[in-house]
Amino acid sequence: MTIVTTLTEKRREKQLKYEKRLLRELSLQTLRSGIHNSFIQYMSAPRFARHLEDYCLELAVESYLLGARYSKFGYYGESLLNVKIRSHYEESHLAETLFQFLCSIPASEFIEECHQSLYDTCHEFISCWWTEGYTKGERRYRLRLR
């Protein structure tokens, strides 16, 4: 008897293999320094600093992989701006998720006046890691390391 596999299973396996290869190029130390550079002014609450770092790590990796997934469009000739517009919904969803998490910190631990700057910082952070993933993914496509 033969085993029947579907096309979606094969695509998922190929995508997971690609993501594993991409994540080998990503340093945990680089991620942590990026988080501390972006959110150092908001880490005044020491008991939430570890939770903030863990959550930011998760979303930075998601953003990195999202940019890498969309890099194939850049490889096939689309401009970075058009690719960024194409992935705007997913990217803004990640930034909104991060912002909502940071706003869920109790009011005594978080400064209420800096919501707009925090919102902008979240979008910049996610966009930065999206761009990093995009450039790494496009480089892998050019070198045929898919």
C-alpha atoms as a PDB file:
ATOM      1  CA  MET A   1       0.000   0.000   0.000  1.00  0.00           C
ATOM      2  CA  THR A   2       1.110   3.534  -0.686  1.00  0.00           C
ATOM      3  CA  ILE A   3       0.775   6.509   1.574  1.00  0.00           C
ATOM      4  CA  VAL A   4      -1.286   9.343   0.177  1.00  0.00           C
ATOM      5  CA  THR A   5      -0.050  12.833   0.978  1.00  0.00           C
ATOM      6  CA  THR A   6      -1.791  16.008   0.087  1.00  0.00           C
ATOM      7  CA  LEU A   7      -0.324  19.074  -1.504  1.00  0.00           C
ATOM      8  CA  THR A   8      -1.027  21.165   1.592  1.00  0.00           C
ATOM      9  CA  GLU A   9       1.000  18.759   3.747  1.00  0.00           C
ATOM     10  CA  LYS A  10       3.930  18.985   1.352  1.00  0.00           C
ATOM     11  CA  ARG A  11       3.726  22.790   1.270  1.00  0.00           C
ATOM     12  CA  ARG A  12       3.646  22.933   5.043  1.00  0.00           C
ATOM     13  CA  GLU A  13       6.677  20.625   5.319  1.00  0.00           C
ATOM     14  CA  LYS A  14       8.581  22.751   2.806  1.00  0.00           C
ATOM     15  CA  GLN A  15       7.631  25.950   4.637  1.00  0.00           C
ATOM     16  CA  LEU A  16       8.755  24.535   8.004  1.00  0.00           C
ATOM     17  CA  LYS A  17      12.070  23.432   6.529  1.00  0.00           C
ATOM     18  CA  TYR A  18      12.591  26.914   5.045  1.00  0.00           C
ATOM     19  CA  GLU A  19      11.747  28.593   8.355  1.00  0.00           C
ATOM     20  CA  LYS A  20      14.152  26.334  10.269  1.00  0.00           C
ATOM     21  CA  ARG A  21      16.956  27.261   7.889  1.00  0.00           C
ATOM     22  CA  LEU A  22      16.161  30.937   8.250  1.00  0.00           C
ATOM     23  CA  LEU A  23      16.077  30.772  12.030  1.00  0.00           C
ATOM     24  CA  ARG A  24      19.583  29.313  12.074  1.00  0.00           C
ATOM     25  CA  GLU A  25      20.829  32.677  10.808  1.00  0.00           C
ATOM     26  CA  LEU A  26      19.066  34.579  13.586  1.00  0.00           C
ATOM     27  CA  SER A  27      20.901  35.177  16.839  1.00  0.00           C
ATOM     28  CA  LEU A  28      19.078  35.262  20.153  1.00  0.00           C
ATOM     29  CA  GLN A  29      21.562  37.855  21.376  1.00  0.00           C
ATOM     30  CA  THR A  30      20.716  40.114  18.418  1.00  0.00           C
ATOM     31  CA  LEU A  31      17.021  39.769  19.174  1.00  0.00           C
ATOM     32  CA  ARG A  32      17.507  40.616  22.839  1.00  0.00           C
ATOM     33  CA  SER A  33      19.636  43.666  22.089  1.00  0.00           C
ATOM     34  CA  GLY A  34      17.006  44.872  19.612  1.00  0.00           C
ATOM     35  CA  ILE A  35      14.308  44.503  22.240  1.00  0.00           C
ATOM     36  CA  HIS A  36      16.307  46.356  24.854  1.00  0.00           C
ATOM     37  CA  ASN A  37      17.173  49.152  22.402  1.00  0.00           C
ATOM     38  CA  SER A  38      13.529  49.606  21.433  1.00  0.00           C
ATOM     39  CA  PHE A  39      11.801  49.186  24.790  1.00  0.00           C
ATOM     40  CA  ILE A  40      14.399  50.253  27.364  1.00  0.00           C
ATOM     41  CA  GLN A  41      12.352  53.298  28.379  1.00  0.00           C
ATOM     42  CA  TYR A  42       9.271  51.136  29.010  1.00  0.00           C
ATOM     43  CA  MET A  43      11.063  48.536  31.135  1.00  0.00           C
ATOM     44  CA  SER A  44      10.736  50.497  34.359  1.00  0.00           C
ATOM     45  CA  ALA A  45       8.715  47.680  35.888  1.00  0.00           C
ATOM     46  CA  PRO A  46      11.275  44.975  36.747  1.00  0.00           C
ATOM     47  CA  ARG A  47       8.709  42.285  37.421  1.00  0.00           C
ATOM     48  CA  PHE A  48       7.282  42.612  33.897  1.00  0.00           C
ATOM     49  CA  ALA A  49      10.610  42.987  32.091  1.00  0.00           C
ATOM     50  CA  ARG A  50      11.043  39.222  31.588  1.00  0.00           C
ATOM     51  CA  HIS A  51       7.472  38.797  30.295  1.00  0.00           C
ATOM     52  CA  LEU A  52       7.959  41.747  27.973  1.00  0.00           C
ATOM     53  CA  GLU A  53      11.177  40.286  26.620  1.00  0.00           C
ATOM     54  CA  ASP A  54       9.655  36.846  26.035  1.00  0.00           C
ATOM     55  CA  TYR A  55       6.614  38.243  24.261  1.00  0.00           C
ATOM     56  CA  CYS A  56       8.732  40.589  22.144  1.00  0.00           C
ATOM     57  CA  LEU A  57      11.010  37.690  21.187  1.00  0.00           C
ATOM     58  CA  GLU A  58       8.034  35.696  19.991  1.00  0.00           C
ATOM     59  CA  LEU A  59       6.623  38.544  17.925  1.00  0.00           C
ATOM     60  CA  ALA A  60      10.038  39.517  16.522  1.00  0.00           C
ATOM     61  CA  VAL A  61      10.536  35.970  15.254  1.00  0.00           C
ATOM     62  CA  GLU A  62       7.032  35.955  13.760  1.00  0.00           C
ATOM     63  CA  SER A  63       7.720  39.268  12.042  1.00  0.00           C
ATOM     64  CA  TYR A  64      11.096  38.022  10.797  1.00  0.00           C
ATOM     65  CA  LEU A  65       9.507  34.910   9.297  1.00  0.00           C
ATOM     66  CA  LEU A  66       6.698  36.981   7.782  1.00  0.00           C
ATOM     67  CA  GLY A  67       9.222  39.196   6.007  1.00  0.00           C
ATOM     68  CA  ALA A  68      11.104  36.146   4.798  1.00  0.00           C
ATOM     69  CA  ARG A  69       7.901  34.629   3.400  1.00  0.00           C
ATOM     70  CA  TYR A  70       7.147  37.780   1.462  1.00  0.00           C
ATOM     71  CA  SER A  71      10.714  38.085   0.148  1.00  0.00           C
ATOM     72  CA  LYS A  72       9.904  35.818  -2.783  1.00  0.00           C
ATOM     73  CA  PHE A  73       7.846  38.649  -4.292  1.00  0.00           C
ATOM     74  CA  GLY A  74      10.867  40.927  -4.108  1.00  0.00           C
ATOM     75  CA  TYR A  75      12.989  38.262  -5.738  1.00  0.00           C
ATOM     76  CA  TYR A  76      10.525  38.053  -8.619  1.00  0.00           C
ATOM     77  CA  GLY A  77      10.717  41.797  -9.249  1.00  0.00           C
ATOM     78  CA  GLU A  78       8.290  43.602  -6.954  1.00  0.00           C
ATOM     79  CA  SER A  79       9.573  46.673  -5.166  1.00  0.00           C
ATOM     80  CA  LEU A  80      10.033  46.665  -1.409  1.00  0.00           C
ATOM     81  CA  LEU A  81       7.218  49.193  -1.038  1.00  0.00           C
ATOM     82  CA  ASN A  82       4.741  47.003  -2.932  1.00  0.00           C
ATOM     83  CA  VAL A  83       5.726  43.943  -0.902  1.00  0.00           C
ATOM     84  CA  LYS A  84       5.369  45.956   2.300  1.00  0.00           C
ATOM     85  CA  ILE A  85       1.866  47.029   1.211  1.00  0.00           C
ATOM     86  CA  ARG A  86       1.051  43.403   0.411  1.00  0.00           C
ATOM     87  CA  SER A  87       1.914  42.278   3.937  1.00  0.00           C
ATOM     88  CA  HIS A  88       0.589  45.364   5.716  1.00  0.00           C
ATOM     89  CA  TYR A  89      -2.375  43.582   7.298  1.00  0.00           C
ATOM     90  CA  GLU A  90      -0.309  40.824   8.946  1.00  0.00           C
ATOM     91  CA  GLU A  91       2.441  43.231   9.979  1.00  0.00           C
ATOM     92  CA  SER A  92       0.045  45.700  11.572  1.00  0.00           C
ATOM     93  CA  HIS A  93      -1.724  42.822  13.328  1.00  0.00           C
ATOM     94  CA  LEU A  94       1.566  41.816  14.976  1.00  0.00           C
ATOM     95  CA  ALA A  95       2.254  45.409  16.030  1.00  0.00           C
ATOM     96  CA  GLU A  96      -1.270  45.795  17.424  1.00  0.00           C
ATOM     97  CA  THR A  97      -0.888  42.540  19.359  1.00  0.00           C
ATOM     98  CA  LEU A  98       2.354  43.767  20.910  1.00  0.00           C
ATOM     99  CA  PHE A  99       0.828  47.134  21.756  1.00  0.00           C
ATOM    100  CA  GLN A 100      -2.227  45.541  23.389  1.00  0.00           C
ATOM    101  CA  PHE A 101       0.008  43.295  25.459  1.00  0.00           C
ATOM    102  CA  LEU A 102       2.050  46.258  26.667  1.00  0.00           C
ATOM    103  CA  CYS A 103      -1.097  48.186  27.499  1.00  0.00           C
ATOM    104  CA  SER A 104      -2.387  45.280  29.576  1.00  0.00           C
ATOM    105  CA  ILE A 105       0.369  45.887  32.131  1.00  0.00           C
ATOM    106  CA  PRO A 106      -1.271  47.302  35.280  1.00  0.00           C
ATOM    107  CA  ALA A 107      -1.555  51.093  35.330  1.00  0.00           C
ATOM    108  CA  SER A 108       0.669  51.468  38.375  1.00  0.00           C
ATOM    109  CA  GLU A 109       3.530  49.862  36.441  1.00  0.00           C
ATOM    110  CA  PHE A 110       3.041  51.654  33.120  1.00  0.00           C
ATOM    111  CA  ILE A 111       3.054  55.341  32.278  1.00  0.00           C
ATOM    112  CA  GLU A 112      -0.292  56.333  30.773  1.00  0.00           C
ATOM    113  CA  GLU A 113       0.926  59.430  28.872  1.00  0.00           C
ATOM    114  CA  CYS A 114       3.244  57.596  26.495  1.00  0.00           C
ATOM    115  CA  HIS A 115       0.678  55.454  24.669  1.00  0.00           C
ATOM    116  CA  GLN A 116       1.276  57.126  21.289  1.00  0.00           C
ATOM    117  CA  SER A 117       5.051  56.785  21.502  1.00  0.00           C
ATOM    118  CA  LEU A 118       4.638  53.165  22.608  1.00  0.00           C
ATOM    119  CA  TYR A 119       2.333  52.526  19.646  1.00  0.00           C
ATOM    120  CA  ASP A 120       4.908  53.996  17.263  1.00  0.00           C
ATOM    121  CA  THR A 121       7.707  52.033  18.904  1.00  0.00           C
ATOM    122  CA  CYS A 122       5.761  48.779  18.491  1.00  0.00           C
ATOM    123  CA  HIS A 123       5.230  49.458  14.786  1.00  0.00           C
ATOM    124  CA  GLU A 124       8.894  50.377  14.302  1.00  0.00           C
ATOM    125  CA  PHE A 125      10.025  47.252  16.136  1.00  0.00           C
ATOM    126  CA  ILE A 126       7.851  44.915  14.078  1.00  0.00           C
ATOM    127  CA  SER A 127       8.745  46.710  10.856  1.00  0.00           C
ATOM    128  CA  CYS A 128      12.450  46.474  11.639  1.00  0.00           C
ATOM    129  CA  TRP A 129      12.308  42.709  12.110  1.00  0.00           C
ATOM    130  CA  TRP A 130      10.072  42.316   9.056  1.00  0.00           C
ATOM    131  CA  THR A 131      12.686  44.135   6.975  1.00  0.00           C
ATOM    132  CA  GLU A 132      15.469  42.006   8.464  1.00  0.00           C
ATOM    133  CA  GLY A 133      13.590  38.827   7.517  1.00  0.00           C
ATOM    134  CA  TYR A 134      12.834  40.214   4.086  1.00  0.00           C
ATOM    135  CA  THR A 135      16.494  40.941   3.321  1.00  0.00           C
ATOM    136  CA  LYS A 136      17.649  37.545   4.634  1.00  0.00           C
ATOM    137  CA  GLY A 137      14.934  35.749   2.680  1.00  0.00           C
ATOM    138  CA  GLU A 138      15.660  37.629  -0.523  1.00  0.00           C
ATOM    139  CA  ARG A 139      19.363  36.859  -0.134  1.00  0.00           C
ATOM    140  CA  ARG A 140      18.531  33.178   0.286  1.00  0.00           C
ATOM    141  CA  TYR A 141      16.404  33.278  -2.876  1.00  0.00           C
ATOM    142  CA  ARG A 142      19.207  34.954  -4.831  1.00  0.00           C
ATOM    143  CA  LEU A 143      21.736  32.407  -3.637  1.00  0.00           C
ATOM    144  CA  ARG A 144      19.227  29.646  -4.359  1.00  0.00           C
ATOM    145  CA  LEU A 145      19.290  28.411  -0.765  1.00  0.00           C
ATOM    146  CA  ARG A 146      15.560  27.803  -0.571  1.00  0.00           C
END
